[in-house]
Amino acid sequence: MSSENEKDGQPSGTAESSEDVKSLSKDEAKKFYEEKGIDFSPDAPVKPKPIPQFEKSISDKIASKFSSKVTVDYVRNGRIRVSTKKEDILDVAHFIRDELGYDHAESVSGVDYPDSKEIEVVYHLGSYTDEKLANQVLTLATRVPREEIPTPGKDSSRMTSLREVFYSVEFHERECFEMFGVYFEGHPDNRRLLLPEDWADIPPFRKDFKIKGR
């Protein structure tokens, strides 16, 4: 029989402890939940849920292999996100493919952070060949410098392409190049994909891009 707490969506036996948490600071509460294996990341649900063990076993393997070279950002049901420096992303990607079974990139996206002068490149990885990973998405992210006046392909907004690891990134990286200005070193075809070849403005997905005449 389920306990009253379990019906409310909370782990059994945490009612008194949850009351105690109300008097703790945010950092103290975070530590309280982490010790119980409960996700308390900034965007976690109001009622924290236990960290799923299958996903945690995957993130633990990455963290054990690369130690301080990676940061596990979150672990949730069907979702894992890890971040690494651009200098290490190729090694991490090889490990994720060869040792963990993620065999393709479902998408590649970019996020512009003008305040910190960085652009984040985000790979969403999945698997066609491992049934256990069929509903899993592993997010691998890194950041590159953001130039105030970009010259795509000729400035420091660049990183190693993952084309040799995940064949499916070929068109995604090309789109990220033209829309955010991130040049992928080692990519076999860094031409524009959607924009005209004579595009002379800044990459249109950057936050300081403005449509002329508006």
N, C-alpha and C. Protein backbone atom coordinates (compact mmCIF):
# COMPACT_ATOMS: atom_id res chain seq x y z
N MET A 1 0.85 -1.20 0.00
CA MET A 1 0.00 0.00 0.00
C MET A 1 0.88 1.24 0.00
N SER A 2 0.52 2.21 -0.80
CA SER A 2 1.30 3.44 -0.87
C SER A 2 1.04 4.29 0.35
N SER A 3 2.07 4.98 0.83
CA SER A 3 1.90 5.87 1.96
C SER A 3 1.24 7.15 1.49
N GLU A 4 0.78 7.97 2.43
CA GLU A 4 0.14 9.25 2.10
C GLU A 4 1.10 10.16 1.37
N ASN A 5 2.39 10.12 1.77
CA ASN A 5 3.39 10.97 1.11
C ASN A 5 3.59 10.59 -0.34
N GLU A 6 3.59 9.26 -0.61
CA GLU A 6 3.80 8.81 -1.97
C GLU A 6 2.64 9.25 -2.86
N LYS A 7 1.44 9.30 -2.31
CA LYS A 7 0.31 9.76 -3.10
C LYS A 7 0.46 11.22 -3.47
N ASP A 8 1.10 11.97 -2.63
CA ASP A 8 1.31 13.39 -2.89
C ASP A 8 2.44 13.64 -3.86
N GLY A 9 3.15 12.57 -4.31
CA GLY A 9 4.26 12.73 -5.24
C GLY A 9 5.58 12.93 -4.55
N GLN A 10 5.65 12.75 -3.20
CA GLN A 10 6.90 12.89 -2.47
C GLN A 10 7.41 11.52 -2.07
N PRO A 11 8.74 11.34 -1.96
CA PRO A 11 9.28 10.07 -1.52
C PRO A 11 8.76 9.74 -0.13
N SER A 12 8.49 8.45 0.10
CA SER A 12 7.97 8.01 1.38
C SER A 12 8.94 8.33 2.51
N GLY A 13 8.39 8.81 3.65
CA GLY A 13 9.21 9.04 4.82
C GLY A 13 9.90 10.38 4.84
N THR A 14 9.47 11.33 4.01
CA THR A 14 10.16 12.63 3.96
C THR A 14 9.30 13.76 4.51
N ALA A 15 8.11 13.45 5.04
CA ALA A 15 7.19 14.52 5.44
C ALA A 15 7.79 15.43 6.49
N GLU A 16 8.31 14.84 7.60
CA GLU A 16 8.88 15.67 8.65
C GLU A 16 10.10 16.41 8.15
N SER A 17 10.92 15.72 7.35
CA SER A 17 12.14 16.35 6.83
C SER A 17 11.80 17.52 5.93
N SER A 18 10.73 17.39 5.12
CA SER A 18 10.34 18.46 4.21
C SER A 18 9.94 19.70 5.00
N GLU A 19 9.27 19.49 6.15
CA GLU A 19 8.91 20.63 6.99
C GLU A 19 10.16 21.33 7.50
N ASP A 20 11.17 20.51 7.87
CA ASP A 20 12.42 21.08 8.38
C ASP A 20 13.11 21.91 7.31
N VAL A 21 13.00 21.47 6.05
CA VAL A 21 13.70 22.14 4.96
C VAL A 21 13.23 23.57 4.79
N LYS A 22 11.96 23.84 5.16
CA LYS A 22 11.42 25.19 4.97
C LYS A 22 12.23 26.24 5.73
N SER A 23 12.89 25.83 6.79
CA SER A 23 13.66 26.79 7.60
C SER A 23 15.11 26.88 7.17
N LEU A 24 15.51 26.12 6.14
CA LEU A 24 16.89 26.13 5.68
C LEU A 24 17.10 27.17 4.59
N SER A 25 18.36 27.57 4.41
CA SER A 25 18.69 28.45 3.30
C SER A 25 18.65 27.64 2.01
N LYS A 26 18.72 28.32 0.86
CA LYS A 26 18.67 27.61 -0.42
C LYS A 26 19.82 26.62 -0.54
N ASP A 27 21.04 27.03 -0.16
CA ASP A 27 22.19 26.14 -0.26
C ASP A 27 22.05 24.95 0.68
N GLU A 28 21.52 25.20 1.89
CA GLU A 28 21.33 24.11 2.84
C GLU A 28 20.27 23.12 2.34
N ALA A 29 19.21 23.68 1.74
CA ALA A 29 18.16 22.82 1.20
C ALA A 29 18.68 21.99 0.04
N LYS A 30 19.51 22.60 -0.81
CA LYS A 30 20.09 21.89 -1.95
C LYS A 30 20.93 20.70 -1.46
N LYS A 31 21.75 20.95 -0.43
CA LYS A 31 22.57 19.88 0.13
C LYS A 31 21.70 18.80 0.73
N PHE A 32 20.63 19.20 1.41
CA PHE A 32 19.70 18.26 2.04
C PHE A 32 19.15 17.28 1.00
N TYR A 33 18.68 17.81 -0.14
CA TYR A 33 18.10 16.96 -1.17
C TYR A 33 19.16 16.13 -1.89
N GLU A 34 20.34 16.72 -2.14
CA GLU A 34 21.40 15.98 -2.82
C GLU A 34 21.82 14.75 -2.02
N GLU A 35 21.86 14.87 -0.70
CA GLU A 35 22.23 13.74 0.14
C GLU A 35 21.22 12.60 0.04
N LYS A 36 20.00 12.93 -0.37
CA LYS A 36 18.96 11.92 -0.51
C LYS A 36 18.79 11.50 -1.97
N GLY A 37 19.72 11.95 -2.84
CA GLY A 37 19.65 11.57 -4.24
C GLY A 37 18.49 12.18 -4.99
N ILE A 38 18.07 13.39 -4.59
CA ILE A 38 16.93 14.05 -5.21
C ILE A 38 17.40 15.27 -6.00
N ASP A 39 16.88 15.38 -7.24
CA ASP A 39 17.25 16.49 -8.12
C ASP A 39 16.72 17.80 -7.57
N PHE A 40 17.63 18.78 -7.33
CA PHE A 40 17.21 20.08 -6.84
C PHE A 40 17.89 21.17 -7.67
N SER A 41 17.99 20.94 -8.99
CA SER A 41 18.58 21.92 -9.89
C SER A 41 17.65 23.12 -10.00
N PRO A 42 18.16 24.29 -10.47
CA PRO A 42 17.38 25.53 -10.46
C PRO A 42 16.01 25.43 -11.14
N ASP A 43 15.91 24.63 -12.21
CA ASP A 43 14.64 24.53 -12.92
C ASP A 43 13.92 23.22 -12.66
N ALA A 44 14.26 22.57 -11.52
CA ALA A 44 13.58 21.34 -11.16
C ALA A 44 12.14 21.64 -10.75
N PRO A 45 11.25 20.64 -10.83
CA PRO A 45 9.86 20.85 -10.42
C PRO A 45 9.78 21.29 -8.96
N VAL A 46 8.64 21.88 -8.58
CA VAL A 46 8.45 22.35 -7.21
C VAL A 46 8.63 21.20 -6.23
N LYS A 47 8.07 20.04 -6.58
CA LYS A 47 8.27 18.84 -5.76
C LYS A 47 9.40 18.03 -6.39
N PRO A 48 10.61 18.10 -5.85
CA PRO A 48 11.75 17.39 -6.45
C PRO A 48 11.49 15.91 -6.58
N LYS A 49 11.95 15.33 -7.70
CA LYS A 49 11.77 13.91 -7.95
C LYS A 49 13.10 13.17 -7.78
N PRO A 50 13.05 11.91 -7.38
CA PRO A 50 14.29 11.15 -7.25
C PRO A 50 15.05 11.08 -8.57
N ILE A 51 16.36 11.11 -8.51
CA ILE A 51 17.18 11.00 -9.72
C ILE A 51 17.06 9.58 -10.27
N PRO A 52 16.69 9.41 -11.55
CA PRO A 52 16.54 8.07 -12.12
C PRO A 52 17.89 7.36 -12.19
N GLN A 53 17.91 6.12 -11.75
CA GLN A 53 19.17 5.39 -11.62
C GLN A 53 19.82 5.03 -12.95
N PHE A 54 19.01 4.69 -13.96
CA PHE A 54 19.61 4.34 -15.26
C PHE A 54 20.37 5.53 -15.83
N GLU A 55 19.72 6.68 -15.85
CA GLU A 55 20.36 7.89 -16.36
C GLU A 55 21.57 8.28 -15.51
N LYS A 56 21.44 8.11 -14.20
CA LYS A 56 22.55 8.44 -13.31
C LYS A 56 23.76 7.54 -13.57
N SER A 57 23.50 6.26 -13.90
CA SER A 57 24.61 5.35 -14.18
C SER A 57 25.39 5.80 -15.41
N ILE A 58 24.69 6.38 -16.39
CA ILE A 58 25.35 6.88 -17.60
C ILE A 58 26.17 8.13 -17.27
N SER A 59 25.57 9.07 -16.56
CA SER A 59 26.29 10.30 -16.22
C SER A 59 27.48 10.00 -15.32
N ASP A 60 27.35 9.01 -14.45
CA ASP A 60 28.46 8.64 -13.56
C ASP A 60 29.65 8.10 -14.36
N LYS A 61 29.37 7.36 -15.43
CA LYS A 61 30.45 6.83 -16.27
C LYS A 61 31.22 7.97 -16.95
N ILE A 62 30.48 8.97 -17.41
CA ILE A 62 31.13 10.12 -18.05
C ILE A 62 31.96 10.89 -17.03
N ALA A 63 31.36 11.14 -15.86
CA ALA A 63 32.07 11.88 -14.81
C ALA A 63 33.29 11.13 -14.32
N SER A 64 33.19 9.81 -14.21
CA SER A 64 34.31 9.00 -13.74
C SER A 64 35.46 9.01 -14.75
N LYS A 65 35.11 8.97 -16.03
CA LYS A 65 36.12 8.94 -17.09
C LYS A 65 36.85 10.27 -17.21
N PHE A 66 36.12 11.39 -17.13
CA PHE A 66 36.71 12.69 -17.45
C PHE A 66 36.87 13.61 -16.25
N SER A 67 36.36 13.22 -15.11
CA SER A 67 36.58 13.96 -13.86
C SER A 67 36.24 15.44 -14.04
N SER A 68 37.19 16.31 -13.75
CA SER A 68 36.94 17.76 -13.77
C SER A 68 36.80 18.33 -15.18
N LYS A 69 37.03 17.52 -16.21
CA LYS A 69 36.91 18.01 -17.58
C LYS A 69 35.45 18.14 -18.02
N VAL A 70 34.53 17.52 -17.26
CA VAL A 70 33.12 17.63 -17.60
C VAL A 70 32.32 18.08 -16.38
N THR A 71 31.18 18.67 -16.64
CA THR A 71 30.23 19.04 -15.60
C THR A 71 28.90 18.40 -15.94
N VAL A 72 28.35 17.63 -15.02
CA VAL A 72 27.01 17.05 -15.23
C VAL A 72 26.00 18.12 -14.80
N ASP A 73 25.30 18.70 -15.76
CA ASP A 73 24.39 19.81 -15.48
C ASP A 73 23.07 19.34 -14.87
N TYR A 74 22.56 18.23 -15.37
CA TYR A 74 21.37 17.64 -14.75
C TYR A 74 21.20 16.20 -15.22
N VAL A 75 20.44 15.45 -14.42
CA VAL A 75 20.09 14.07 -14.74
C VAL A 75 18.61 13.92 -14.44
N ARG A 76 17.83 13.63 -15.49
CA ARG A 76 16.39 13.47 -15.33
C ARG A 76 15.92 12.27 -16.13
N ASN A 77 14.66 11.93 -15.98
CA ASN A 77 14.11 10.79 -16.69
C ASN A 77 14.22 10.98 -18.20
N GLY A 78 15.04 10.16 -18.84
CA GLY A 78 15.23 10.24 -20.28
C GLY A 78 16.12 11.36 -20.75
N ARG A 79 16.68 12.14 -19.83
CA ARG A 79 17.48 13.29 -20.22
C ARG A 79 18.72 13.44 -19.34
N ILE A 80 19.86 13.66 -20.00
CA ILE A 80 21.11 13.93 -19.30
C ILE A 80 21.77 15.09 -20.03
N ARG A 81 22.38 16.00 -19.29
CA ARG A 81 23.13 17.08 -19.93
C ARG A 81 24.50 17.20 -19.28
N VAL A 82 25.54 17.20 -20.12
CA VAL A 82 26.90 17.41 -19.63
C VAL A 82 27.55 18.51 -20.44
N SER A 83 28.41 19.27 -19.78
CA SER A 83 29.15 20.35 -20.44
C SER A 83 30.64 20.09 -20.34
N THR A 84 31.38 20.56 -21.32
CA THR A 84 32.83 20.41 -21.31
C THR A 84 33.46 21.57 -22.08
N LYS A 85 34.76 21.74 -21.93
CA LYS A 85 35.46 22.77 -22.70
C LYS A 85 35.60 22.32 -24.15
N LYS A 86 35.71 23.30 -25.03
CA LYS A 86 35.78 22.96 -26.46
C LYS A 86 37.02 22.13 -26.78
N GLU A 87 38.07 22.29 -25.97
CA GLU A 87 39.30 21.52 -26.21
C GLU A 87 39.11 20.03 -25.90
N ASP A 88 38.10 19.70 -25.10
CA ASP A 88 37.89 18.31 -24.68
C ASP A 88 36.69 17.66 -25.34
N ILE A 89 35.91 18.41 -26.11
CA ILE A 89 34.65 17.88 -26.58
C ILE A 89 34.81 16.68 -27.52
N LEU A 90 35.88 16.65 -28.30
CA LEU A 90 36.07 15.53 -29.22
C LEU A 90 36.30 14.23 -28.46
N ASP A 91 37.13 14.26 -27.41
CA ASP A 91 37.37 13.06 -26.61
C ASP A 91 36.11 12.60 -25.90
N VAL A 92 35.35 13.56 -25.37
CA VAL A 92 34.11 13.21 -24.68
C VAL A 92 33.11 12.59 -25.67
N ALA A 93 33.02 13.16 -26.87
CA ALA A 93 32.10 12.65 -27.88
C ALA A 93 32.46 11.23 -28.30
N HIS A 94 33.76 10.97 -28.47
CA HIS A 94 34.20 9.61 -28.82
C HIS A 94 33.79 8.61 -27.74
N PHE A 95 33.97 8.98 -26.48
CA PHE A 95 33.61 8.10 -25.37
C PHE A 95 32.11 7.85 -25.35
N ILE A 96 31.31 8.89 -25.54
CA ILE A 96 29.86 8.75 -25.53
C ILE A 96 29.40 7.81 -26.65
N ARG A 97 30.04 7.89 -27.80
CA ARG A 97 29.68 6.99 -28.90
C ARG A 97 30.19 5.58 -28.70
N ASP A 98 31.49 5.45 -28.41
CA ASP A 98 32.12 4.13 -28.39
C ASP A 98 31.82 3.32 -27.14
N GLU A 99 31.68 3.99 -26.00
CA GLU A 99 31.51 3.28 -24.74
C GLU A 99 30.06 3.29 -24.22
N LEU A 100 29.29 4.28 -24.63
CA LEU A 100 27.93 4.39 -24.08
C LEU A 100 26.84 4.08 -25.09
N GLY A 101 27.19 4.01 -26.38
CA GLY A 101 26.22 3.55 -27.37
C GLY A 101 25.38 4.61 -28.06
N TYR A 102 25.67 5.89 -27.82
CA TYR A 102 24.94 6.95 -28.53
C TYR A 102 25.56 7.08 -29.92
N ASP A 103 24.78 6.79 -30.95
CA ASP A 103 25.38 6.64 -32.28
C ASP A 103 25.09 7.77 -33.26
N HIS A 104 24.29 8.76 -32.86
CA HIS A 104 24.02 9.85 -33.80
C HIS A 104 23.63 11.13 -33.05
N ALA A 105 23.75 12.23 -33.76
CA ALA A 105 23.30 13.52 -33.22
C ALA A 105 21.94 13.84 -33.82
N GLU A 106 20.96 14.07 -32.96
CA GLU A 106 19.62 14.40 -33.44
C GLU A 106 19.53 15.85 -33.90
N SER A 107 20.31 16.73 -33.26
CA SER A 107 20.31 18.13 -33.66
C SER A 107 21.53 18.82 -33.05
N VAL A 108 21.84 19.98 -33.59
CA VAL A 108 22.89 20.85 -33.05
C VAL A 108 22.30 22.25 -33.00
N SER A 109 22.38 22.88 -31.86
CA SER A 109 21.82 24.23 -31.73
C SER A 109 22.83 25.16 -31.09
N GLY A 110 22.53 26.44 -31.14
CA GLY A 110 23.42 27.44 -30.55
C GLY A 110 22.64 28.35 -29.60
N VAL A 111 23.34 28.92 -28.64
CA VAL A 111 22.75 29.89 -27.71
C VAL A 111 23.72 31.05 -27.59
N ASP A 112 23.22 32.26 -27.81
CA ASP A 112 24.06 33.45 -27.77
C ASP A 112 24.04 34.06 -26.37
N TYR A 113 25.22 34.26 -25.78
CA TYR A 113 25.35 34.90 -24.48
C TYR A 113 26.23 36.15 -24.61
N PRO A 114 25.65 37.25 -25.08
CA PRO A 114 26.46 38.45 -25.30
C PRO A 114 27.06 39.03 -24.02
N ASP A 115 26.37 38.90 -22.89
CA ASP A 115 26.89 39.46 -21.64
C ASP A 115 28.19 38.79 -21.20
N SER A 116 28.27 37.48 -21.37
CA SER A 116 29.49 36.75 -20.99
C SER A 116 30.44 36.57 -22.17
N LYS A 117 30.03 37.13 -23.34
CA LYS A 117 30.85 37.06 -24.56
C LYS A 117 31.16 35.61 -24.94
N GLU A 118 30.12 34.78 -24.95
CA GLU A 118 30.26 33.37 -25.31
C GLU A 118 29.08 32.94 -26.19
N ILE A 119 29.34 31.91 -26.98
CA ILE A 119 28.27 31.24 -27.71
C ILE A 119 28.33 29.76 -27.33
N GLU A 120 27.20 29.24 -26.92
CA GLU A 120 27.14 27.83 -26.53
C GLU A 120 26.69 27.00 -27.73
N VAL A 121 27.37 25.89 -27.95
CA VAL A 121 26.99 24.94 -28.99
C VAL A 121 26.49 23.68 -28.29
N VAL A 122 25.29 23.24 -28.66
CA VAL A 122 24.62 22.16 -27.94
C VAL A 122 24.30 21.02 -28.90
N TYR A 123 24.82 19.83 -28.60
CA TYR A 123 24.55 18.63 -29.38
C TYR A 123 23.55 17.76 -28.63
N HIS A 124 22.49 17.32 -29.30
CA HIS A 124 21.52 16.41 -28.71
C HIS A 124 21.74 15.02 -29.32
N LEU A 125 22.19 14.09 -28.50
CA LEU A 125 22.63 12.79 -28.98
C LEU A 125 21.63 11.68 -28.63
N GLY A 126 21.48 10.72 -29.53
CA GLY A 126 20.58 9.61 -29.31
C GLY A 126 21.15 8.32 -29.87
N SER A 127 20.34 7.27 -29.86
CA SER A 127 20.82 5.97 -30.36
C SER A 127 19.72 5.26 -31.14
N TYR A 128 20.10 4.76 -32.32
CA TYR A 128 19.22 3.92 -33.11
C TYR A 128 19.46 2.44 -32.83
N THR A 129 20.62 2.11 -32.30
CA THR A 129 21.05 0.72 -32.23
C THR A 129 20.90 0.07 -30.86
N ASP A 130 20.78 0.86 -29.79
CA ASP A 130 20.66 0.32 -28.44
C ASP A 130 19.24 0.58 -27.93
N GLU A 131 18.47 -0.49 -27.74
CA GLU A 131 17.07 -0.33 -27.32
C GLU A 131 16.95 0.37 -25.97
N LYS A 132 17.90 0.16 -25.10
CA LYS A 132 17.84 0.79 -23.77
C LYS A 132 17.95 2.31 -23.87
N LEU A 133 18.53 2.80 -24.96
CA LEU A 133 18.71 4.24 -25.15
C LEU A 133 17.68 4.85 -26.09
N ALA A 134 16.69 4.05 -26.47
CA ALA A 134 15.73 4.50 -27.49
C ALA A 134 15.01 5.79 -27.09
N ASN A 135 14.72 5.96 -25.82
CA ASN A 135 14.00 7.15 -25.36
C ASN A 135 14.90 8.15 -24.64
N GLN A 136 16.20 7.95 -24.77
CA GLN A 136 17.16 8.81 -24.08
C GLN A 136 17.69 9.91 -25.01
N VAL A 137 17.90 11.09 -24.45
CA VAL A 137 18.60 12.17 -25.15
C VAL A 137 19.71 12.67 -24.25
N LEU A 138 20.94 12.57 -24.73
CA LEU A 138 22.09 13.05 -23.98
C LEU A 138 22.54 14.37 -24.62
N THR A 139 22.51 15.42 -23.86
CA THR A 139 22.92 16.73 -24.36
C THR A 139 24.38 16.98 -24.01
N LEU A 140 25.17 17.27 -25.03
CA LEU A 140 26.59 17.58 -24.86
C LEU A 140 26.80 19.03 -25.29
N ALA A 141 27.28 19.87 -24.36
CA ALA A 141 27.38 21.30 -24.65
C ALA A 141 28.79 21.83 -24.39
N THR A 142 29.15 22.85 -25.13
CA THR A 142 30.42 23.55 -24.92
C THR A 142 30.22 25.02 -25.28
N ARG A 143 31.21 25.84 -24.99
CA ARG A 143 31.12 27.27 -25.31
C ARG A 143 32.38 27.73 -26.04
N VAL A 144 32.18 28.70 -26.92
CA VAL A 144 33.28 29.30 -27.67
C VAL A 144 33.24 30.81 -27.45
N PRO A 145 34.35 31.51 -27.67
CA PRO A 145 34.35 32.96 -27.52
C PRO A 145 33.40 33.63 -28.51
N ARG A 146 32.81 34.73 -28.09
CA ARG A 146 31.90 35.50 -28.94
C ARG A 146 32.55 36.83 -29.29
N GLU A 147 32.79 37.05 -30.56
CA GLU A 147 33.40 38.29 -31.02
C GLU A 147 32.36 39.40 -31.09
N GLU A 148 32.73 40.59 -30.64
CA GLU A 148 31.81 41.73 -30.69
C GLU A 148 31.50 42.11 -32.13
N ILE A 149 32.52 42.08 -32.97
CA ILE A 149 32.32 42.30 -34.41
C ILE A 149 32.75 41.02 -35.11
N PRO A 150 31.81 40.13 -35.38
CA PRO A 150 32.17 38.81 -35.91
C PRO A 150 32.61 38.83 -37.36
N THR A 151 33.59 37.98 -37.65
CA THR A 151 33.99 37.68 -39.02
C THR A 151 34.00 36.16 -39.13
N PRO A 152 32.84 35.55 -39.32
CA PRO A 152 32.71 34.09 -39.28
C PRO A 152 33.75 33.35 -40.11
N GLY A 153 34.40 32.40 -39.46
CA GLY A 153 35.43 31.62 -40.12
C GLY A 153 36.81 32.21 -39.99
N LYS A 154 36.91 33.48 -39.51
CA LYS A 154 38.20 34.14 -39.42
C LYS A 154 38.50 34.68 -38.02
N ASP A 155 37.56 34.44 -37.08
CA ASP A 155 37.80 34.94 -35.72
C ASP A 155 37.89 33.77 -34.73
N SER A 156 37.79 34.06 -33.43
CA SER A 156 38.02 33.03 -32.41
C SER A 156 36.77 32.22 -32.08
N SER A 157 35.64 32.53 -32.73
CA SER A 157 34.42 31.75 -32.50
C SER A 157 34.49 30.45 -33.29
N ARG A 158 35.26 29.51 -32.77
CA ARG A 158 35.51 28.27 -33.49
C ARG A 158 35.72 27.11 -32.53
N MET A 159 35.50 25.92 -33.03
CA MET A 159 35.71 24.71 -32.24
C MET A 159 35.89 23.53 -33.19
N THR A 160 36.29 22.39 -32.64
CA THR A 160 36.47 21.19 -33.46
C THR A 160 35.13 20.62 -33.87
N SER A 161 35.00 20.26 -35.13
CA SER A 161 33.78 19.64 -35.62
C SER A 161 33.65 18.22 -35.06
N LEU A 162 32.41 17.79 -34.82
CA LEU A 162 32.16 16.40 -34.40
C LEU A 162 31.72 15.54 -35.58
N ARG A 163 31.98 16.01 -36.78
CA ARG A 163 31.59 15.28 -38.00
C ARG A 163 32.21 13.90 -38.07
N GLU A 164 33.45 13.74 -37.59
CA GLU A 164 34.10 12.43 -37.65
C GLU A 164 33.52 11.47 -36.62
N VAL A 165 32.83 11.99 -35.62
CA VAL A 165 32.22 11.14 -34.58
C VAL A 165 30.77 10.83 -34.92
N PHE A 166 30.01 11.86 -35.23
CA PHE A 166 28.59 11.71 -35.57
C PHE A 166 28.35 12.28 -36.96
N TYR A 167 28.18 11.40 -37.92
CA TYR A 167 28.05 11.83 -39.32
C TYR A 167 26.90 12.81 -39.50
N SER A 168 25.84 12.64 -38.70
CA SER A 168 24.62 13.43 -38.89
C SER A 168 24.77 14.91 -38.53
N VAL A 169 25.91 15.32 -37.97
CA VAL A 169 26.06 16.75 -37.63
C VAL A 169 26.41 17.60 -38.84
N GLU A 170 26.66 16.98 -39.99
CA GLU A 170 27.21 17.73 -41.13
C GLU A 170 26.38 18.96 -41.48
N PHE A 171 25.08 18.81 -41.66
CA PHE A 171 24.25 19.95 -42.03
C PHE A 171 23.92 20.81 -40.82
N HIS A 172 23.79 20.20 -39.65
CA HIS A 172 23.49 20.97 -38.43
C HIS A 172 24.62 21.95 -38.11
N GLU A 173 25.87 21.49 -38.22
CA GLU A 173 26.99 22.38 -37.93
C GLU A 173 27.08 23.50 -38.96
N ARG A 174 26.74 23.21 -40.19
CA ARG A 174 26.74 24.26 -41.21
C ARG A 174 25.71 25.34 -40.88
N GLU A 175 24.56 24.92 -40.40
CA GLU A 175 23.53 25.89 -40.01
C GLU A 175 23.99 26.71 -38.81
N CYS A 176 24.63 26.05 -37.84
CA CYS A 176 25.13 26.75 -36.66
C CYS A 176 26.22 27.75 -37.05
N PHE A 177 27.01 27.41 -38.05
CA PHE A 177 28.06 28.30 -38.54
C PHE A 177 27.46 29.59 -39.11
N GLU A 178 26.47 29.45 -39.99
CA GLU A 178 25.94 30.65 -40.62
C GLU A 178 25.00 31.44 -39.72
N MET A 179 24.32 30.79 -38.80
CA MET A 179 23.35 31.48 -37.95
C MET A 179 23.97 32.09 -36.69
N PHE A 180 25.09 31.49 -36.21
CA PHE A 180 25.74 32.01 -35.00
C PHE A 180 27.19 32.45 -35.23
N GLY A 181 27.76 32.04 -36.37
CA GLY A 181 29.13 32.42 -36.67
C GLY A 181 30.19 31.51 -36.09
N VAL A 182 29.79 30.32 -35.61
CA VAL A 182 30.76 29.37 -35.05
C VAL A 182 31.36 28.53 -36.18
N TYR A 183 32.67 28.62 -36.33
CA TYR A 183 33.36 27.87 -37.37
C TYR A 183 33.79 26.52 -36.82
N PHE A 184 33.50 25.44 -37.54
CA PHE A 184 33.81 24.09 -37.09
C PHE A 184 35.04 23.57 -37.83
N GLU A 185 36.16 23.55 -37.11
CA GLU A 185 37.42 23.11 -37.71
C GLU A 185 37.38 21.62 -38.00
N GLY A 186 37.77 21.25 -39.20
CA GLY A 186 37.75 19.85 -39.60
C GLY A 186 36.47 19.44 -40.29
N HIS A 187 35.49 20.33 -40.35
CA HIS A 187 34.26 20.02 -41.07
C HIS A 187 34.55 19.99 -42.57
N PRO A 188 34.06 19.00 -43.30
CA PRO A 188 34.42 18.87 -44.72
C PRO A 188 33.77 19.91 -45.64
N ASP A 189 32.74 20.62 -45.15
CA ASP A 189 32.04 21.54 -46.04
C ASP A 189 31.42 22.67 -45.22
N ASN A 190 32.18 23.73 -44.96
CA ASN A 190 31.71 24.83 -44.12
C ASN A 190 30.99 25.92 -44.91
N ARG A 191 30.42 25.56 -46.06
CA ARG A 191 29.68 26.57 -46.82
C ARG A 191 28.38 26.92 -46.11
N ARG A 192 27.80 28.07 -46.53
CA ARG A 192 26.49 28.43 -46.01
C ARG A 192 25.46 27.40 -46.47
N LEU A 193 24.41 27.26 -45.66
CA LEU A 193 23.38 26.28 -45.96
C LEU A 193 22.05 26.94 -46.31
N LEU A 194 21.67 27.96 -45.56
CA LEU A 194 20.37 28.61 -45.75
C LEU A 194 20.48 30.05 -46.24
N LEU A 195 21.53 30.74 -45.86
CA LEU A 195 21.69 32.14 -46.24
C LEU A 195 22.36 32.26 -47.61
N PRO A 196 22.16 33.37 -48.28
CA PRO A 196 22.84 33.57 -49.58
C PRO A 196 24.35 33.67 -49.39
N GLU A 197 25.09 33.26 -50.39
CA GLU A 197 26.55 33.26 -50.31
C GLU A 197 27.12 34.66 -50.10
N ASP A 198 26.40 35.69 -50.53
CA ASP A 198 26.90 37.06 -50.40
C ASP A 198 26.37 37.74 -49.13
N TRP A 199 25.90 36.97 -48.15
CA TRP A 199 25.42 37.54 -46.89
C TRP A 199 26.52 38.36 -46.24
N ALA A 200 26.23 39.63 -45.94
CA ALA A 200 27.28 40.53 -45.43
C ALA A 200 27.00 41.04 -44.03
N ASP A 201 25.87 40.65 -43.44
CA ASP A 201 25.51 41.12 -42.11
C ASP A 201 26.04 40.13 -41.06
N ILE A 202 25.82 40.44 -39.77
CA ILE A 202 26.25 39.53 -38.72
C ILE A 202 25.34 38.30 -38.73
N PRO A 203 25.76 37.20 -38.11
CA PRO A 203 24.93 35.99 -38.08
C PRO A 203 23.55 36.31 -37.49
N PRO A 204 22.47 35.91 -38.16
CA PRO A 204 21.13 36.38 -37.80
C PRO A 204 20.53 35.83 -36.51
N PHE A 205 21.12 34.78 -35.93
CA PHE A 205 20.59 34.27 -34.68
C PHE A 205 21.28 34.88 -33.45
N ARG A 206 22.22 35.81 -33.69
CA ARG A 206 22.81 36.51 -32.55
C ARG A 206 21.83 37.57 -32.06
N LYS A 207 21.88 37.85 -30.77
CA LYS A 207 20.87 38.72 -30.17
C LYS A 207 20.99 40.17 -30.60
N ASP A 208 22.14 40.57 -31.13
CA ASP A 208 22.27 41.95 -31.57
C ASP A 208 21.96 42.14 -33.05
N PHE A 209 21.48 41.07 -33.71
CA PHE A 209 21.09 41.20 -35.11
C PHE A 209 19.77 41.97 -35.20
N LYS A 210 19.70 42.92 -36.10
CA LYS A 210 18.49 43.69 -36.31
C LYS A 210 18.15 43.70 -37.79
N ILE A 211 16.86 43.50 -38.06
CA ILE A 211 16.40 43.55 -39.45
C ILE A 211 16.42 45.00 -39.91
N LYS A 212 17.11 45.26 -40.99
CA LYS A 212 17.23 46.62 -41.48
C LYS A 212 15.87 47.21 -41.84
N GLY A 213 15.68 48.46 -41.46
CA GLY A 213 14.43 49.15 -41.76
C GLY A 213 13.40 49.05 -40.67
N ARG A 214 13.73 48.31 -39.57
CA ARG A 214 12.78 48.19 -38.44
C ARG A 214 13.35 48.77 -37.18
